[in-house]
Amino acid sequence: MSVFSFAKEIGDKLFNRNKPAAQTEQAAPAAEPTAQEIANLLLARIQAQNVNISGLVVNYNSDTDTATLSGVAETQADRERARLAVGNVQHVATVVDEIEVKEPAAESRFYTVKSGDTLSKIAKEMYGNANDYMKIFDANKPMLSHPDKIYVGQVLRIPE
């Protein structure tokens, strides 16, 4: 089991929580999603990453903003992509990774995007060559839709 921390106020907005409701006489405030509904949204997000994880289960604790992942991944890359898909979501502060890997391999490096970063700048820092930015982009697809669409606080997988 591994525990990873993320910036819970930064990330893709899959659901609304703790949002002050603008109440009018005509509009009732929307109900906050349940922990199970959030877990289902996170599971769908992982599945959209085209990862190969059998028996994948996602649980979410809304009191601690913690997502717990379990299952059996074909590769270490699948495991890491699932972890990042969940951790790069607003209101997820911690990911408990209980995913087993069929073919264990070394863990990738991870990088948290800072203000002013580009994939080229990150590639220059990580690999010594700015033109290697496509390695980072490809390792984070389909979470990244375009090399220019990264945001401060996002955690990226940096393969060897």
N, C-alpha and C. Protein backbone atom coordinates (compact mmCIF):
# COMPACT_ATOMS: atom_id res chain seq x y z
N MET A 1 0.84 -1.18 0.00
CA MET A 1 0.00 0.00 0.00
C MET A 1 0.89 1.25 0.00
N SER A 2 0.53 2.18 -0.83
CA SER A 2 1.23 3.46 -0.89
C SER A 2 0.23 4.59 -0.76
N VAL A 3 0.65 5.65 -0.11
CA VAL A 3 -0.21 6.81 0.10
C VAL A 3 0.42 8.01 -0.59
N PHE A 4 -0.37 8.73 -1.38
CA PHE A 4 0.12 9.88 -2.15
C PHE A 4 -0.75 11.09 -1.86
N SER A 5 -0.10 12.23 -1.68
CA SER A 5 -0.81 13.48 -1.40
C SER A 5 -0.91 14.33 -2.66
N PHE A 6 -2.05 15.00 -2.80
CA PHE A 6 -2.30 15.89 -3.92
C PHE A 6 -2.90 17.19 -3.37
N ALA A 7 -2.87 18.23 -4.18
CA ALA A 7 -3.46 19.51 -3.79
C ALA A 7 -4.96 19.42 -4.03
N LYS A 8 -5.75 19.33 -2.97
CA LYS A 8 -7.17 19.04 -3.13
C LYS A 8 -7.97 20.19 -3.74
N GLU A 9 -7.48 21.40 -3.70
CA GLU A 9 -8.22 22.52 -4.27
C GLU A 9 -7.90 22.74 -5.75
N ILE A 10 -6.98 21.93 -6.28
CA ILE A 10 -6.55 22.08 -7.67
C ILE A 10 -6.87 20.79 -8.40
N GLY A 11 -7.28 20.91 -9.64
CA GLY A 11 -7.52 19.72 -10.45
C GLY A 11 -8.81 19.82 -11.23
N ASP A 12 -9.07 18.78 -11.99
CA ASP A 12 -10.28 18.74 -12.79
C ASP A 12 -11.49 18.70 -11.87
N LYS A 13 -12.52 19.39 -12.27
CA LYS A 13 -13.74 19.46 -11.46
C LYS A 13 -14.73 18.42 -11.97
N LEU A 14 -14.80 17.29 -11.29
CA LEU A 14 -15.74 16.24 -11.67
C LEU A 14 -17.05 16.37 -10.92
N PHE A 15 -17.01 17.03 -9.78
CA PHE A 15 -18.20 17.15 -8.95
C PHE A 15 -18.10 18.42 -8.13
N ASN A 16 -19.23 18.91 -7.67
CA ASN A 16 -19.27 20.13 -6.84
C ASN A 16 -19.45 19.74 -5.39
N ARG A 17 -18.55 20.25 -4.56
CA ARG A 17 -18.66 20.04 -3.12
C ARG A 17 -18.38 21.35 -2.41
N ASN A 18 -19.02 21.52 -1.27
CA ASN A 18 -18.78 22.69 -0.41
C ASN A 18 -18.90 24.00 -1.18
N LYS A 19 -19.75 24.02 -2.18
CA LYS A 19 -19.95 25.22 -2.97
C LYS A 19 -21.12 25.98 -2.37
N PRO A 20 -20.93 27.26 -1.99
CA PRO A 20 -22.04 27.99 -1.42
C PRO A 20 -23.18 28.07 -2.43
N ALA A 21 -24.36 27.71 -1.98
CA ALA A 21 -25.52 27.72 -2.88
C ALA A 21 -26.12 29.12 -2.93
N ALA A 22 -26.29 29.61 -4.13
CA ALA A 22 -26.98 30.88 -4.33
C ALA A 22 -28.46 30.56 -4.34
N GLN A 23 -29.10 30.82 -3.25
CA GLN A 23 -30.49 30.43 -3.13
C GLN A 23 -31.41 31.57 -3.55
N THR A 24 -32.34 31.19 -4.36
CA THR A 24 -33.41 32.11 -4.74
C THR A 24 -34.71 31.39 -4.47
N GLU A 25 -35.79 32.09 -4.56
CA GLU A 25 -37.07 31.45 -4.32
C GLU A 25 -37.38 30.41 -5.39
N GLN A 26 -36.81 30.58 -6.56
CA GLN A 26 -37.15 29.69 -7.67
C GLN A 26 -36.19 28.50 -7.79
N ALA A 27 -34.98 28.61 -7.28
CA ALA A 27 -34.00 27.54 -7.47
C ALA A 27 -33.60 26.95 -6.13
N ALA A 28 -33.76 25.64 -6.02
CA ALA A 28 -33.34 24.94 -4.81
C ALA A 28 -31.86 24.59 -4.94
N PRO A 29 -31.12 24.58 -3.85
CA PRO A 29 -29.70 24.21 -3.94
C PRO A 29 -29.55 22.76 -4.37
N ALA A 30 -28.53 22.50 -5.16
CA ALA A 30 -28.27 21.13 -5.61
C ALA A 30 -27.70 20.32 -4.46
N ALA A 31 -28.12 19.08 -4.37
CA ALA A 31 -27.62 18.20 -3.32
C ALA A 31 -26.17 17.82 -3.62
N GLU A 32 -25.37 17.74 -2.57
CA GLU A 32 -23.98 17.31 -2.76
C GLU A 32 -23.97 15.83 -3.11
N PRO A 33 -23.03 15.42 -3.95
CA PRO A 33 -22.97 14.00 -4.31
C PRO A 33 -22.56 13.15 -3.11
N THR A 34 -23.03 11.93 -3.08
CA THR A 34 -22.64 11.01 -2.01
C THR A 34 -21.24 10.49 -2.28
N ALA A 35 -20.64 9.91 -1.27
CA ALA A 35 -19.29 9.33 -1.43
C ALA A 35 -19.31 8.25 -2.51
N GLN A 36 -20.39 7.47 -2.59
CA GLN A 36 -20.48 6.42 -3.61
C GLN A 36 -20.59 7.03 -5.01
N GLU A 37 -21.33 8.11 -5.15
CA GLU A 37 -21.43 8.77 -6.46
C GLU A 37 -20.07 9.33 -6.89
N ILE A 38 -19.34 9.88 -5.95
CA ILE A 38 -18.00 10.40 -6.25
C ILE A 38 -17.07 9.25 -6.63
N ALA A 39 -17.13 8.15 -5.89
CA ALA A 39 -16.31 6.97 -6.22
C ALA A 39 -16.62 6.48 -7.62
N ASN A 40 -17.88 6.49 -8.00
CA ASN A 40 -18.27 6.06 -9.34
C ASN A 40 -17.71 7.00 -10.41
N LEU A 41 -17.71 8.30 -10.14
CA LEU A 41 -17.13 9.27 -11.08
C LEU A 41 -15.62 9.05 -11.22
N LEU A 42 -14.95 8.79 -10.12
CA LEU A 42 -13.51 8.55 -10.15
C LEU A 42 -13.19 7.25 -10.89
N LEU A 43 -14.00 6.22 -10.67
CA LEU A 43 -13.83 4.96 -11.38
C LEU A 43 -13.97 5.17 -12.89
N ALA A 44 -14.98 5.93 -13.30
CA ALA A 44 -15.18 6.21 -14.73
C ALA A 44 -14.00 6.99 -15.30
N ARG A 45 -13.43 7.88 -14.50
CA ARG A 45 -12.27 8.65 -14.96
C ARG A 45 -11.07 7.74 -15.19
N ILE A 46 -10.86 6.79 -14.30
CA ILE A 46 -9.76 5.84 -14.48
C ILE A 46 -10.00 5.01 -15.74
N GLN A 47 -11.21 4.51 -15.89
CA GLN A 47 -11.52 3.67 -17.04
C GLN A 47 -11.33 4.43 -18.35
N ALA A 48 -11.54 5.73 -18.35
CA ALA A 48 -11.35 6.55 -19.55
C ALA A 48 -9.86 6.68 -19.92
N GLN A 49 -8.97 6.31 -19.00
CA GLN A 49 -7.53 6.40 -19.26
C GLN A 49 -7.00 5.19 -20.03
N ASN A 50 -7.89 4.24 -20.36
CA ASN A 50 -7.50 3.04 -21.09
C ASN A 50 -6.43 2.23 -20.37
N VAL A 51 -6.58 2.11 -19.06
CA VAL A 51 -5.65 1.31 -18.28
C VAL A 51 -6.19 -0.11 -18.17
N ASN A 52 -5.29 -1.06 -17.98
CA ASN A 52 -5.67 -2.46 -17.89
C ASN A 52 -5.53 -2.89 -16.43
N ILE A 53 -6.63 -2.76 -15.67
CA ILE A 53 -6.64 -3.13 -14.26
C ILE A 53 -7.87 -3.99 -14.01
N SER A 54 -7.64 -5.24 -13.66
CA SER A 54 -8.77 -6.13 -13.40
C SER A 54 -9.23 -5.98 -11.95
N GLY A 55 -10.53 -6.12 -11.76
CA GLY A 55 -11.10 -6.02 -10.42
C GLY A 55 -10.93 -4.65 -9.80
N LEU A 56 -10.89 -3.61 -10.63
CA LEU A 56 -10.66 -2.25 -10.12
C LEU A 56 -11.82 -1.80 -9.23
N VAL A 57 -11.47 -1.35 -8.04
CA VAL A 57 -12.45 -0.82 -7.09
C VAL A 57 -11.95 0.53 -6.61
N VAL A 58 -12.85 1.51 -6.56
CA VAL A 58 -12.53 2.85 -6.05
C VAL A 58 -13.48 3.16 -4.91
N ASN A 59 -12.92 3.55 -3.78
CA ASN A 59 -13.71 4.02 -2.64
C ASN A 59 -13.31 5.45 -2.36
N TYR A 60 -14.26 6.24 -1.86
CA TYR A 60 -13.99 7.65 -1.56
C TYR A 60 -14.55 7.98 -0.19
N ASN A 61 -13.72 8.64 0.63
CA ASN A 61 -14.13 9.10 1.95
C ASN A 61 -14.23 10.62 1.88
N SER A 62 -15.46 11.13 1.93
CA SER A 62 -15.66 12.57 1.78
C SER A 62 -15.25 13.35 3.03
N ASP A 63 -15.11 12.69 4.16
CA ASP A 63 -14.66 13.38 5.37
C ASP A 63 -13.17 13.73 5.28
N THR A 64 -12.39 12.86 4.64
CA THR A 64 -10.95 13.08 4.55
C THR A 64 -10.47 13.38 3.13
N ASP A 65 -11.40 13.40 2.16
CA ASP A 65 -11.07 13.60 0.75
C ASP A 65 -10.02 12.60 0.28
N THR A 66 -10.23 11.33 0.67
CA THR A 66 -9.31 10.26 0.35
C THR A 66 -9.96 9.25 -0.59
N ALA A 67 -9.24 8.93 -1.67
CA ALA A 67 -9.67 7.88 -2.59
C ALA A 67 -8.77 6.68 -2.39
N THR A 68 -9.37 5.49 -2.33
CA THR A 68 -8.61 4.26 -2.19
C THR A 68 -8.85 3.41 -3.43
N LEU A 69 -7.75 2.96 -4.05
CA LEU A 69 -7.81 2.18 -5.27
C LEU A 69 -7.31 0.77 -5.01
N SER A 70 -7.99 -0.23 -5.57
CA SER A 70 -7.51 -1.60 -5.46
C SER A 70 -7.84 -2.34 -6.75
N GLY A 71 -7.11 -3.42 -7.00
CA GLY A 71 -7.26 -4.22 -8.19
C GLY A 71 -5.91 -4.77 -8.58
N VAL A 72 -5.83 -5.36 -9.78
CA VAL A 72 -4.57 -5.92 -10.27
C VAL A 72 -4.28 -5.31 -11.64
N ALA A 73 -3.19 -4.55 -11.73
CA ALA A 73 -2.80 -3.89 -12.97
C ALA A 73 -1.86 -4.78 -13.77
N GLU A 74 -1.96 -4.68 -15.08
CA GLU A 74 -1.04 -5.41 -15.96
C GLU A 74 0.38 -4.86 -15.83
N THR A 75 0.51 -3.53 -15.76
CA THR A 75 1.83 -2.90 -15.73
C THR A 75 1.89 -1.83 -14.66
N GLN A 76 3.10 -1.46 -14.30
CA GLN A 76 3.32 -0.36 -13.37
C GLN A 76 2.77 0.94 -13.95
N ALA A 77 2.92 1.13 -15.25
CA ALA A 77 2.40 2.34 -15.91
C ALA A 77 0.89 2.45 -15.74
N ASP A 78 0.17 1.33 -15.87
CA ASP A 78 -1.29 1.35 -15.68
C ASP A 78 -1.62 1.77 -14.25
N ARG A 79 -0.90 1.24 -13.30
CA ARG A 79 -1.12 1.58 -11.89
C ARG A 79 -0.90 3.08 -11.66
N GLU A 80 0.20 3.61 -12.19
CA GLU A 80 0.52 5.02 -11.98
C GLU A 80 -0.49 5.94 -12.67
N ARG A 81 -0.94 5.56 -13.86
CA ARG A 81 -1.91 6.38 -14.58
C ARG A 81 -3.25 6.42 -13.84
N ALA A 82 -3.64 5.31 -13.23
CA ALA A 82 -4.88 5.28 -12.44
C ALA A 82 -4.75 6.20 -11.23
N ARG A 83 -3.62 6.13 -10.57
CA ARG A 83 -3.37 6.97 -9.39
C ARG A 83 -3.45 8.45 -9.75
N LEU A 84 -2.81 8.84 -10.85
CA LEU A 84 -2.82 10.24 -11.27
C LEU A 84 -4.19 10.69 -11.77
N ALA A 85 -4.91 9.81 -12.42
CA ALA A 85 -6.24 10.16 -12.91
C ALA A 85 -7.15 10.57 -11.76
N VAL A 86 -7.00 9.90 -10.62
CA VAL A 86 -7.81 10.21 -9.44
C VAL A 86 -7.22 11.38 -8.65
N GLY A 87 -5.91 11.41 -8.50
CA GLY A 87 -5.28 12.46 -7.69
C GLY A 87 -5.36 13.84 -8.30
N ASN A 88 -5.46 13.92 -9.62
CA ASN A 88 -5.55 15.22 -10.30
C ASN A 88 -7.00 15.67 -10.45
N VAL A 89 -7.79 15.43 -9.42
CA VAL A 89 -9.20 15.83 -9.38
C VAL A 89 -9.40 16.70 -8.15
N GLN A 90 -10.13 17.79 -8.33
CA GLN A 90 -10.41 18.68 -7.21
C GLN A 90 -11.18 17.91 -6.13
N HIS A 91 -10.84 18.15 -4.89
CA HIS A 91 -11.41 17.52 -3.69
C HIS A 91 -10.86 16.13 -3.43
N VAL A 92 -9.77 15.75 -4.09
CA VAL A 92 -9.06 14.52 -3.74
C VAL A 92 -7.71 14.96 -3.19
N ALA A 93 -7.53 14.80 -1.88
CA ALA A 93 -6.30 15.22 -1.23
C ALA A 93 -5.30 14.08 -1.10
N THR A 94 -5.83 12.85 -1.00
CA THR A 94 -4.98 11.69 -0.77
C THR A 94 -5.48 10.52 -1.61
N VAL A 95 -4.52 9.79 -2.18
CA VAL A 95 -4.84 8.55 -2.88
C VAL A 95 -4.08 7.42 -2.18
N VAL A 96 -4.84 6.45 -1.71
CA VAL A 96 -4.27 5.24 -1.12
C VAL A 96 -4.26 4.20 -2.24
N ASP A 97 -3.07 3.83 -2.68
CA ASP A 97 -2.90 2.93 -3.80
C ASP A 97 -2.63 1.51 -3.29
N GLU A 98 -3.64 0.67 -3.41
CA GLU A 98 -3.53 -0.74 -3.02
C GLU A 98 -3.53 -1.64 -4.25
N ILE A 99 -3.27 -1.07 -5.42
CA ILE A 99 -3.26 -1.83 -6.67
C ILE A 99 -2.01 -2.70 -6.73
N GLU A 100 -2.21 -3.97 -7.04
CA GLU A 100 -1.09 -4.89 -7.26
C GLU A 100 -0.72 -4.84 -8.73
N VAL A 101 0.52 -5.21 -9.04
CA VAL A 101 0.99 -5.19 -10.43
C VAL A 101 1.44 -6.60 -10.80
N LYS A 102 0.96 -7.10 -11.95
CA LYS A 102 1.35 -8.45 -12.41
C LYS A 102 2.83 -8.52 -12.72
N GLU A 103 3.35 -7.49 -13.38
CA GLU A 103 4.77 -7.46 -13.73
C GLU A 103 5.41 -6.24 -13.06
N PRO A 104 5.86 -6.40 -11.82
CA PRO A 104 6.44 -5.26 -11.10
C PRO A 104 7.61 -4.63 -11.87
N ALA A 105 7.68 -3.33 -11.79
CA ALA A 105 8.75 -2.55 -12.42
C ALA A 105 9.05 -1.36 -11.53
N ALA A 106 10.12 -0.66 -11.85
CA ALA A 106 10.50 0.53 -11.07
C ALA A 106 9.42 1.59 -11.20
N GLU A 107 9.23 2.33 -10.13
CA GLU A 107 8.28 3.44 -10.09
C GLU A 107 8.81 4.58 -10.96
N SER A 108 7.91 5.22 -11.70
CA SER A 108 8.29 6.41 -12.47
C SER A 108 8.54 7.58 -11.53
N ARG A 109 9.19 8.59 -12.04
CA ARG A 109 9.30 9.84 -11.29
C ARG A 109 7.99 10.61 -11.52
N PHE A 110 7.70 11.53 -10.59
CA PHE A 110 6.51 12.36 -10.72
C PHE A 110 6.94 13.81 -10.57
N TYR A 111 6.19 14.67 -11.20
CA TYR A 111 6.53 16.10 -11.21
C TYR A 111 5.25 16.89 -10.99
N THR A 112 5.29 17.85 -10.07
CA THR A 112 4.16 18.74 -9.84
C THR A 112 4.40 20.04 -10.59
N VAL A 113 3.47 20.37 -11.48
CA VAL A 113 3.59 21.54 -12.35
C VAL A 113 3.58 22.82 -11.51
N LYS A 114 4.54 23.71 -11.82
CA LYS A 114 4.65 25.01 -11.15
C LYS A 114 4.31 26.12 -12.14
N SER A 115 4.08 27.30 -11.63
CA SER A 115 3.79 28.45 -12.47
C SER A 115 4.93 28.67 -13.46
N GLY A 116 4.59 28.87 -14.72
CA GLY A 116 5.59 29.10 -15.76
C GLY A 116 6.10 27.84 -16.43
N ASP A 117 5.69 26.67 -15.94
CA ASP A 117 6.14 25.42 -16.55
C ASP A 117 5.46 25.16 -17.89
N THR A 118 6.21 24.52 -18.76
CA THR A 118 5.69 23.94 -20.00
C THR A 118 6.24 22.52 -20.05
N LEU A 119 5.68 21.69 -20.90
CA LEU A 119 6.23 20.34 -21.02
C LEU A 119 7.67 20.37 -21.50
N SER A 120 7.99 21.33 -22.38
CA SER A 120 9.38 21.45 -22.85
C SER A 120 10.32 21.81 -21.70
N LYS A 121 9.90 22.73 -20.86
CA LYS A 121 10.72 23.13 -19.71
C LYS A 121 10.91 21.96 -18.75
N ILE A 122 9.84 21.21 -18.52
CA ILE A 122 9.93 20.05 -17.63
C ILE A 122 10.85 19.00 -18.25
N ALA A 123 10.72 18.77 -19.56
CA ALA A 123 11.58 17.79 -20.24
C ALA A 123 13.05 18.20 -20.15
N LYS A 124 13.33 19.48 -20.30
CA LYS A 124 14.71 19.98 -20.18
C LYS A 124 15.26 19.67 -18.79
N GLU A 125 14.43 19.90 -17.76
CA GLU A 125 14.84 19.65 -16.38
C GLU A 125 15.01 18.15 -16.08
N MET A 126 14.09 17.34 -16.60
CA MET A 126 14.09 15.90 -16.28
C MET A 126 15.04 15.09 -17.15
N TYR A 127 15.12 15.45 -18.44
CA TYR A 127 15.90 14.65 -19.38
C TYR A 127 17.12 15.38 -19.95
N GLY A 128 17.19 16.69 -19.74
CA GLY A 128 18.28 17.46 -20.31
C GLY A 128 18.05 17.89 -21.75
N ASN A 129 16.85 17.61 -22.29
CA ASN A 129 16.53 17.95 -23.67
C ASN A 129 15.06 18.38 -23.75
N ALA A 130 14.82 19.64 -24.08
CA ALA A 130 13.46 20.16 -24.16
C ALA A 130 12.62 19.45 -25.22
N ASN A 131 13.29 18.91 -26.25
CA ASN A 131 12.56 18.23 -27.32
C ASN A 131 11.99 16.88 -26.90
N ASP A 132 12.31 16.41 -25.70
CA ASP A 132 11.76 15.16 -25.20
C ASP A 132 10.40 15.34 -24.52
N TYR A 133 9.77 16.49 -24.71
CA TYR A 133 8.49 16.77 -24.06
C TYR A 133 7.41 15.77 -24.45
N MET A 134 7.51 15.17 -25.65
CA MET A 134 6.49 14.21 -26.09
C MET A 134 6.52 12.92 -25.26
N LYS A 135 7.66 12.59 -24.65
CA LYS A 135 7.73 11.43 -23.75
C LYS A 135 6.77 11.65 -22.58
N ILE A 136 6.80 12.87 -22.05
CA ILE A 136 5.95 13.21 -20.90
C ILE A 136 4.49 13.26 -21.35
N PHE A 137 4.25 13.90 -22.48
CA PHE A 137 2.88 14.00 -23.00
C PHE A 137 2.30 12.60 -23.21
N ASP A 138 3.03 11.73 -23.91
CA ASP A 138 2.54 10.39 -24.20
C ASP A 138 2.30 9.58 -22.93
N ALA A 139 3.15 9.76 -21.92
CA ALA A 139 3.01 9.01 -20.66
C ALA A 139 1.79 9.45 -19.86
N ASN A 140 1.25 10.62 -20.18
CA ASN A 140 0.12 11.16 -19.42
C ASN A 140 -1.16 11.24 -20.24
N LYS A 141 -1.17 10.63 -21.44
CA LYS A 141 -2.38 10.58 -22.25
C LYS A 141 -3.27 9.47 -21.72
N PRO A 142 -4.56 9.56 -21.82
CA PRO A 142 -5.36 10.66 -22.33
C PRO A 142 -5.71 11.71 -21.29
N MET A 143 -5.06 11.65 -20.11
CA MET A 143 -5.30 12.69 -19.10
C MET A 143 -4.96 14.06 -19.67
N LEU A 144 -3.89 14.13 -20.47
CA LEU A 144 -3.53 15.37 -21.17
C LEU A 144 -4.07 15.27 -22.59
N SER A 145 -4.81 16.28 -23.00
CA SER A 145 -5.38 16.26 -24.35
C SER A 145 -4.49 17.02 -25.34
N HIS A 146 -3.61 17.87 -24.83
CA HIS A 146 -2.74 18.68 -25.68
C HIS A 146 -1.50 19.05 -24.86
N PRO A 147 -0.31 19.10 -25.49
CA PRO A 147 0.91 19.42 -24.73
C PRO A 147 0.87 20.79 -24.04
N ASP A 148 0.06 21.71 -24.51
CA ASP A 148 -0.01 23.03 -23.89
C ASP A 148 -1.03 23.12 -22.77
N LYS A 149 -1.77 22.05 -22.51
CA LYS A 149 -2.85 22.09 -21.53
C LYS A 149 -2.45 21.40 -20.23
N ILE A 150 -1.55 22.06 -19.50
CA ILE A 150 -1.19 21.62 -18.16
C ILE A 150 -1.52 22.76 -17.21
N TYR A 151 -1.67 22.46 -15.94
CA TYR A 151 -2.02 23.51 -14.98
C TYR A 151 -1.20 23.37 -13.71
N VAL A 152 -1.03 24.48 -13.04
CA VAL A 152 -0.26 24.54 -11.80
C VAL A 152 -0.89 23.59 -10.77
N GLY A 153 -0.05 22.78 -10.16
CA GLY A 153 -0.50 21.83 -9.16
C GLY A 153 -0.76 20.44 -9.72
N GLN A 154 -0.87 20.31 -11.03
CA GLN A 154 -1.10 19.01 -11.65
C GLN A 154 0.14 18.14 -11.47
N VAL A 155 -0.06 16.87 -11.19
CA VAL A 155 1.04 15.94 -11.03
C VAL A 155 1.14 15.11 -12.31
N LEU A 156 2.35 15.07 -12.87
CA LEU A 156 2.60 14.34 -14.11
C LEU A 156 3.54 13.18 -13.88
N ARG A 157 3.33 12.13 -14.65
CA ARG A 157 4.21 10.96 -14.64
C ARG A 157 5.38 11.23 -15.59
N ILE A 158 6.59 11.01 -15.10
CA ILE A 158 7.81 11.23 -15.90
C ILE A 158 8.49 9.88 -16.09
N PRO A 159 8.27 9.24 -17.25
CA PRO A 159 8.89 7.93 -17.48
C PRO A 159 10.39 8.06 -17.72
N GLU A 160 11.10 6.96 -17.57
CA GLU A 160 12.54 6.96 -17.84
C GLU A 160 12.83 7.09 -19.30
